C-alpha atoms as a PDB file:
ATOM      1  CA  MET A   1     109.785 101.937  16.571  1.00  0.00           C
ATOM      2  CA  ARG A   2     107.016 102.042  19.192  1.00  0.00           C
ATOM      3  CA  THR A   3     108.572 101.200  22.367  1.00  0.00           C
ATOM      4  CA  GLU A   4     106.404  98.146  23.002  1.00  0.00           C
ATOM      5  CA  GLU A   5     107.868  96.765  19.577  1.00  0.00           C
ATOM      6  CA  LEU A   6     111.495  97.205  21.435  1.00  0.00           C
ATOM      7  CA  PHE A   7     110.150  94.266  24.232  1.00  0.00           C
ATOM      8  CA  ASP A   8     109.457  92.217  21.485  1.00  0.00           C
ATOM      9  CA  LEU A   9     112.706  91.542  19.529  1.00  0.00           C
ATOM     10  CA  ALA A  10     114.805  90.140  22.058  1.00  0.00           C
ATOM     11  CA  PRO A  11     114.060  88.771  26.145  1.00  0.00           C
ATOM     12  CA  VAL A  12     117.635  90.661  26.438  1.00  0.00           C
ATOM     13  CA  VAL A  13     118.904  94.504  25.663  1.00  0.00           C
ATOM     14  CA  PRO A  14     122.879  94.217  26.214  1.00  0.00           C
ATOM     15  CA  VAL A  15     123.863  97.166  28.316  1.00  0.00           C
ATOM     16  CA  VAL A  16     126.983  98.238  26.500  1.00  0.00           C
ATOM     17  CA  VAL A  17     130.009 101.085  27.325  1.00  0.00           C
ATOM     18  CA  LEU A  18     132.368 101.696  24.781  1.00  0.00           C
ATOM     19  CA  ASP A  19     135.491 103.508  25.107  1.00  0.00           C
ATOM     20  CA  ASP A  20     136.635 102.458  21.382  1.00  0.00           C
ATOM     21  CA  PRO A  21     134.276 103.905  18.523  1.00  0.00           C
ATOM     22  CA  ASP A  22     135.730 101.073  16.583  1.00  0.00           C
ATOM     23  CA  ALA A  23     134.373  98.404  18.386  1.00  0.00           C
ATOM     24  CA  ALA A  24     131.368  99.625  18.272  1.00  0.00           C
ATOM     25  CA  VAL A  25     130.781  97.662  14.746  1.00  0.00           C
ATOM     26  CA  PRO A  26     132.236  94.186  15.562  1.00  0.00           C
ATOM     27  CA  LEU A  27     130.530  94.222  19.047  1.00  0.00           C
ATOM     28  CA  ALA A  28     127.172  95.103  17.482  1.00  0.00           C
ATOM     29  CA  ARG A  29     127.468  91.978  15.000  1.00  0.00           C
ATOM     30  CA  ALA A  30     128.497  89.858  17.314  1.00  0.00           C
ATOM     31  CA  LEU A  31     125.507  90.834  19.406  1.00  0.00           C
ATOM     32  CA  VAL A  32     122.726  90.439  16.481  1.00  0.00           C
ATOM     33  CA  ALA A  33     124.677  87.516  15.720  1.00  0.00           C
ATOM     34  CA  GLY A  34     124.067  85.530  18.911  1.00  0.00           C
ATOM     35  CA  GLY A  35     119.887  87.071  18.545  1.00  0.00           C
ATOM     36  CA  LEU A  36     120.106  89.864  20.329  1.00  0.00           C
ATOM     37  CA  PRO A  37     119.134  93.175  18.112  1.00  0.00           C
ATOM     38  CA  ALA A  38     118.362  95.735  20.573  1.00  0.00           C
ATOM     39  CA  ILE A  39     121.700  97.118  21.899  1.00  0.00           C
ATOM     40  CA  GLU A  40     121.783 100.139  24.568  1.00  0.00           C
ATOM     41  CA  VAL A  41     124.881 102.224  24.389  1.00  0.00           C
ATOM     42  CA  THR A  42     125.094 104.074  27.302  1.00  0.00           C
ATOM     43  CA  LEU A  43     126.179 107.833  27.519  1.00  0.00           C
ATOM     44  CA  ARG A  44     129.278 107.199  29.944  1.00  0.00           C
ATOM     45  CA  THR A  45     131.928 107.786  27.488  1.00  0.00           C
ATOM     46  CA  ALA A  46     133.340 110.373  24.963  1.00  0.00           C
ATOM     47  CA  ALA A  47     132.992 107.811  22.429  1.00  0.00           C
ATOM     48  CA  ALA A  48     129.522 106.600  22.857  1.00  0.00           C
ATOM     49  CA  LEU A  49     127.659 109.219  20.091  1.00  0.00           C
ATOM     50  CA  ALA A  50     130.046 107.930  17.380  1.00  0.00           C
ATOM     51  CA  ALA A  51     129.904 104.637  18.630  1.00  0.00           C
ATOM     52  CA  ILE A  52     125.823 104.769  18.232  1.00  0.00           C
ATOM     53  CA  GLU A  53     126.548 106.434  14.684  1.00  0.00           C
ATOM     54  CA  ARG A  54     128.699 104.119  13.658  1.00  0.00           C
ATOM     55  CA  ILE A  55     126.272 100.885  14.798  1.00  0.00           C
ATOM     56  CA  ALA A  56     123.191 102.492  13.116  1.00  0.00           C
ATOM     57  CA  ALA A  57     125.180 103.389   9.822  1.00  0.00           C
ATOM     58  CA  GLU A  58     126.566  99.565   9.443  1.00  0.00           C
ATOM     59  CA  VAL A  59     124.862  97.107  11.341  1.00  0.00           C
ATOM     60  CA  PRO A  60     121.095  97.285   9.516  1.00  0.00           C
ATOM     61  CA  ASP A  61     120.160  94.314  11.809  1.00  0.00           C
ATOM     62  CA  ALA A  62     120.788  95.975  14.995  1.00  0.00           C
ATOM     63  CA  VAL A  63     118.237  98.534  16.325  1.00  0.00           C
ATOM     64  CA  VAL A  64     120.998 100.589  18.770  1.00  0.00           C
ATOM     65  CA  GLY A  65     119.882 102.878  21.153  1.00  0.00           C
ATOM     66  CA  ALA A  66     121.269 105.242  23.405  1.00  0.00           C
ATOM     67  CA  GLY A  67     121.021 105.150  27.182  1.00  0.00           C
ATOM     68  CA  THR A  68     122.164 107.197  30.272  1.00  0.00           C
ATOM     69  CA  VAL A  69     120.136 109.721  29.043  1.00  0.00           C
ATOM     70  CA  VAL A  70     119.983 112.107  31.953  1.00  0.00           C
ATOM     71  CA  ARG A  71     119.825 115.853  30.399  1.00  0.00           C
ATOM     72  CA  PRO A  72     117.467 116.741  27.569  1.00  0.00           C
ATOM     73  CA  GLU A  73     120.265 117.578  25.197  1.00  0.00           C
ATOM     74  CA  ASP A  74     121.284 114.073  25.370  1.00  0.00           C
ATOM     75  CA  ALA A  75     118.423 113.080  23.754  1.00  0.00           C
ATOM     76  CA  ALA A  76     118.568 115.531  21.035  1.00  0.00           C
ATOM     77  CA  ARG A  77     122.017 114.706  20.155  1.00  0.00           C
ATOM     78  CA  ALA A  78     121.443 110.780  20.701  1.00  0.00           C
ATOM     79  CA  ALA A  79     118.745 111.086  17.913  1.00  0.00           C
ATOM     80  CA  GLU A  80     121.058 112.969  15.558  1.00  0.00           C
ATOM     81  CA  ALA A  81     123.306 110.476  15.610  1.00  0.00           C
ATOM     82  CA  GLY A  82     120.868 107.735  14.979  1.00  0.00           C
ATOM     83  CA  ALA A  83     119.724 106.054  17.748  1.00  0.00           C
ATOM     84  CA  GLY A  84     116.369 104.354  17.448  1.00  0.00           C
ATOM     85  CA  PHE A  85     115.391 104.185  21.379  1.00  0.00           C
ATOM     86  CA  LEU A  86     116.334 105.991  24.222  1.00  0.00           C
ATOM     87  CA  VAL A  87     116.854 105.024  27.847  1.00  0.00           C
ATOM     88  CA  SER A  88     116.945 107.120  31.072  1.00  0.00           C
ATOM     89  CA  PRO A  89     118.045 105.745  34.857  1.00  0.00           C
ATOM     90  CA  GLY A  90     115.336 108.375  36.204  1.00  0.00           C
ATOM     91  CA  CYS A  91     112.785 110.977  34.793  1.00  0.00           C
ATOM     92  CA  THR A  92     112.280 114.669  35.063  1.00  0.00           C
ATOM     93  CA  ASP A  93     109.617 116.627  33.392  1.00  0.00           C
ATOM     94  CA  ARG A  94     111.918 118.396  31.297  1.00  0.00           C
ATOM     95  CA  LEU A  95     113.762 114.659  30.160  1.00  0.00           C
ATOM     96  CA  ARG A  96     110.022 113.240  29.384  1.00  0.00           C
ATOM     97  CA  GLU A  97     109.594 115.971  27.226  1.00  0.00           C
ATOM     98  CA  ALA A  98     112.872 115.767  25.438  1.00  0.00           C
ATOM     99  CA  MET A  99     112.852 112.212  25.045  1.00  0.00           C
ATOM    100  CA  THR A 100     109.478 112.217  23.399  1.00  0.00           C
ATOM    101  CA  ALA A 101     109.774 114.976  21.321  1.00  0.00           C
ATOM    102  CA  THR A 102     112.162 112.726  19.383  1.00  0.00           C
ATOM    103  CA  GLY A 103     110.025 110.758  18.251  1.00  0.00           C
ATOM    104  CA  LEU A 104     111.937 107.979  19.299  1.00  0.00           C
ATOM    105  CA  ALA A 105     110.655 104.942  21.393  1.00  0.00           C
ATOM    106  CA  VAL A 106     111.652 105.783  25.132  1.00  0.00           C
ATOM    107  CA  LEU A 107     112.447 104.081  28.150  1.00  0.00           C
ATOM    108  CA  PRO A 108     112.064 106.629  30.773  1.00  0.00           C
ATOM    109  CA  GLY A 109     113.440 105.268  34.504  1.00  0.00           C
ATOM    110  CA  VAL A 110     111.684 104.591  37.342  1.00  0.00           C
ATOM    111  CA  SER A 111     111.862 102.837  40.456  1.00  0.00           C
ATOM    112  CA  SER A 112     108.588 103.688  42.530  1.00  0.00           C
ATOM    113  CA  ALA A 113     104.871 103.222  41.845  1.00  0.00           C
ATOM    114  CA  SER A 114     104.569 106.944  42.280  1.00  0.00           C
ATOM    115  CA  GLU A 115     107.013 107.273  39.345  1.00  0.00           C
ATOM    116  CA  ALA A 116     105.455 104.978  37.220  1.00  0.00           C
ATOM    117  CA  MET A 117     102.055 106.748  38.011  1.00  0.00           C
ATOM    118  CA  ALA A 118     103.585 110.047  36.670  1.00  0.00           C
ATOM    119  CA  LEU A 119     104.360 108.987  33.558  1.00  0.00           C
ATOM    120  CA  LEU A 120     101.027 106.907  33.086  1.00  0.00           C
ATOM    121  CA  GLU A 121      99.716 110.682  32.975  1.00  0.00           C
ATOM    122  CA  HIS A 122     101.412 111.627  29.865  1.00  0.00           C
ATOM    123  CA  GLY A 123     100.767 108.422  28.067  1.00  0.00           C
ATOM    124  CA  ILE A 124     103.658 106.110  28.715  1.00  0.00           C
ATOM    125  CA  THR A 125     103.338 102.784  29.582  1.00  0.00           C
ATOM    126  CA  ALA A 126     106.637 101.387  28.757  1.00  0.00           C
ATOM    127  CA  MET A 127     109.263 101.701  31.327  1.00  0.00           C
ATOM    128  CA  LYS A 128     113.261 100.823  32.674  1.00  0.00           C
ATOM    129  CA  PHE A 129     113.047  99.803  36.420  1.00  0.00           C
ATOM    130  CA  PHE A 130     115.979 101.080  37.812  1.00  0.00           C
ATOM    131  CA  PRO A 131     117.912  99.905  39.811  1.00  0.00           C
ATOM    132  CA  ALA A 132     116.384  96.685  39.596  1.00  0.00           C
ATOM    133  CA  GLU A 133     118.085  94.510  42.606  1.00  0.00           C
ATOM    134  CA  ALA A 134     118.289  97.199  44.744  1.00  0.00           C
ATOM    135  CA  ALA A 135     115.062  98.937  44.457  1.00  0.00           C
ATOM    136  CA  GLY A 136     113.373  95.716  45.163  1.00  0.00           C
ATOM    137  CA  GLY A 137     113.718  93.277  42.808  1.00  0.00           C
ATOM    138  CA  ALA A 138     111.439  90.858  40.868  1.00  0.00           C
ATOM    139  CA  ALA A 139     109.486  90.779  44.118  1.00  0.00           C
ATOM    140  CA  TYR A 140     108.739  94.409  44.018  1.00  0.00           C
ATOM    141  CA  LEU A 141     108.108  94.099  40.207  1.00  0.00           C
ATOM    142  CA  LYS A 142     105.824  91.497  40.618  1.00  0.00           C
ATOM    143  CA  ALA A 143     103.915  93.367  43.463  1.00  0.00           C
ATOM    144  CA  LEU A 144     103.333  96.510  40.719  1.00  0.00           C
ATOM    145  CA  GLY A 145     101.746  94.379  38.523  1.00  0.00           C
ATOM    146  CA  GLY A 146      98.435  94.456  40.330  1.00  0.00           C
ATOM    147  CA  PRO A 147      97.605  98.069  40.816  1.00  0.00           C
ATOM    148  CA  LEU A 148      99.864  99.341  37.462  1.00  0.00           C
ATOM    149  CA  PRO A 149      98.772  96.085  35.033  1.00  0.00           C
ATOM    150  CA  GLN A 150      98.866  98.444  31.565  1.00  0.00           C
ATOM    151  CA  VAL A 151     102.827  99.226  32.747  1.00  0.00           C
ATOM    152  CA  ARG A 152     105.499  96.712  31.471  1.00  0.00           C
ATOM    153  CA  PHE A 153     108.957  97.377  32.383  1.00  0.00           C
ATOM    154  CA  CYS A 154     112.693  96.547  31.420  1.00  0.00           C
ATOM    155  CA  PRO A 155     114.652  95.920  34.604  1.00  0.00           C
ATOM    156  CA  THR A 156     118.143  96.985  34.502  1.00  0.00           C
ATOM    157  CA  GLY A 157     120.656  97.500  37.278  1.00  0.00           C
ATOM    158  CA  GLY A 158     122.010  94.334  39.166  1.00  0.00           C
ATOM    159  CA  VAL A 159     120.193  91.580  36.589  1.00  0.00           C
ATOM    160  CA  THR A 160     122.684  88.836  35.402  1.00  0.00           C
ATOM    161  CA  ALA A 161     122.162  85.582  33.478  1.00  0.00           C
ATOM    162  CA  ASP A 162     120.996  83.741  36.980  1.00  0.00           C
ATOM    163  CA  ASN A 163     118.406  86.124  38.130  1.00  0.00           C
ATOM    164  CA  ALA A 164     116.892  87.407  34.289  1.00  0.00           C
ATOM    165  CA  PRO A 165     114.646  84.930  34.051  1.00  0.00           C
ATOM    166  CA  ARG A 166     112.609  85.492  37.392  1.00  0.00           C
ATOM    167  CA  TYR A 167     111.743  88.743  35.817  1.00  0.00           C
ATOM    168  CA  LEU A 168     111.224  87.561  32.301  1.00  0.00           C
ATOM    169  CA  ALA A 169     108.723  85.250  33.641  1.00  0.00           C
ATOM    170  CA  LEU A 170     106.777  88.352  35.025  1.00  0.00           C
ATOM    171  CA  PRO A 171     103.762  89.634  33.154  1.00  0.00           C
ATOM    172  CA  ASN A 172     104.810  93.091  33.469  1.00  0.00           C
ATOM    173  CA  VAL A 173     108.164  92.424  32.414  1.00  0.00           C
ATOM    174  CA  GLY A 174     108.593  93.091  28.104  1.00  0.00           C
ATOM    175  CA  CYS A 175     112.747  92.513  28.840  1.00  0.00           C
ATOM    176  CA  VAL A 176     115.890  92.794  30.947  1.00  0.00           C
ATOM    177  CA  GLY A 177     118.561  95.184  30.484  1.00  0.00           C
ATOM    178  CA  GLY A 178     122.132  93.938  31.491  1.00  0.00           C
ATOM    179  CA  THR A 179     125.804  94.140  30.924  1.00  0.00           C
ATOM    180  CA  TRP A 180     126.917  90.483  31.553  1.00  0.00           C
ATOM    181  CA  ILE A 181     126.682  89.932  27.839  1.00  0.00           C
ATOM    182  CA  THR A 182     129.475  92.308  26.884  1.00  0.00           C
ATOM    183  CA  PRO A 183     132.387  92.228  30.177  1.00  0.00           C
ATOM    184  CA  ALA A 184     134.603  94.522  29.477  1.00  0.00           C
ATOM    185  CA  ASP A 185     137.796  92.717  29.536  1.00  0.00           C
ATOM    186  CA  ALA A 186     136.294  90.455  26.023  1.00  0.00           C
ATOM    187  CA  VAL A 187     135.576  93.641  24.306  1.00  0.00           C
ATOM    188  CA  ARG A 188     139.148  95.561  25.304  1.00  0.00           C
ATOM    189  CA  ALA A 189     140.563  92.017  23.784  1.00  0.00           C
ATOM    190  CA  GLY A 190     138.226  91.834  20.324  1.00  0.00           C
ATOM    191  CA  ASP A 191     137.017  88.594  21.350  1.00  0.00           C
ATOM    192  CA  TRP A 192     133.517  88.782  19.281  1.00  0.00           C
ATOM    193  CA  ASP A 193     133.094  85.011  19.829  1.00  0.00           C
ATOM    194  CA  ARG A 194     132.691  85.111  23.374  1.00  0.00           C
ATOM    195  CA  VAL A 195     130.105  87.985  22.929  1.00  0.00           C
ATOM    196  CA  GLN A 196     128.223  86.037  20.390  1.00  0.00           C
ATOM    197  CA  GLU A 197     127.982  82.787  22.380  1.00  0.00           C
ATOM    198  CA  LEU A 198     127.169  85.037  25.545  1.00  0.00           C
ATOM    199  CA  ALA A 199     124.588  86.587  23.747  1.00  0.00           C
ATOM    200  CA  ALA A 200     123.062  83.362  21.995  1.00  0.00           C
ATOM    201  CA  LYS A 201     122.518  82.052  25.606  1.00  0.00           C
ATOM    202  CA  ALA A 202     120.480  85.169  26.679  1.00  0.00           C
ATOM    203  CA  ALA A 203     118.591  85.149  23.750  1.00  0.00           C
ATOM    204  CA  ALA A 204     117.404  81.732  24.928  1.00  0.00           C
ATOM    205  CA  LEU A 205     116.404  83.043  28.292  1.00  0.00           C
ATOM    206  CA  ARG A 206     112.944  83.869  27.272  1.00  0.00           C
ATOM    207  CA  PRO A 207     110.426  81.224  29.147  1.00  0.00           C
END
């Protein structure tokens, strides 16, 4: 799958933190049922790779990716676990090389025009904008659209159900990433109906 195709799956990519791999499959099924097939599982916990592996194997309608990819070995391990895309909060030359070497769709993170231009030199036109709100928000991304019209972004970091529409209205935003669709208390309680409801509301945000 090309990275640009990831943008077309849904307006929102849930950013998921999982401590229990047993929750991965029912969580993914709830998100898919709500209309959000692209799921970013962050590599912040010991359960993350197992969660990615189980979603990839047991939820065929989901496109599971790995987030918080910060080391070259993270990219390789996520690919081995079955991730379909890779997302990083920032990017170095070594990390970019490792991510693209997997052959997967990649969303390397940027927070400035210079960082975006550096990735453009390597033919990368789809990027994560992080931390979105702290780095200037929708107004900053709108300003980047003038000099860098060929770049499309997935803003993440401080994106909520309330401000997501402002991002999604921009022509250079393909989708947004957010944690509000999978609240920690709902995941702990196994309240998959609530997750599905939040996913359905998020799926309807596309302007």
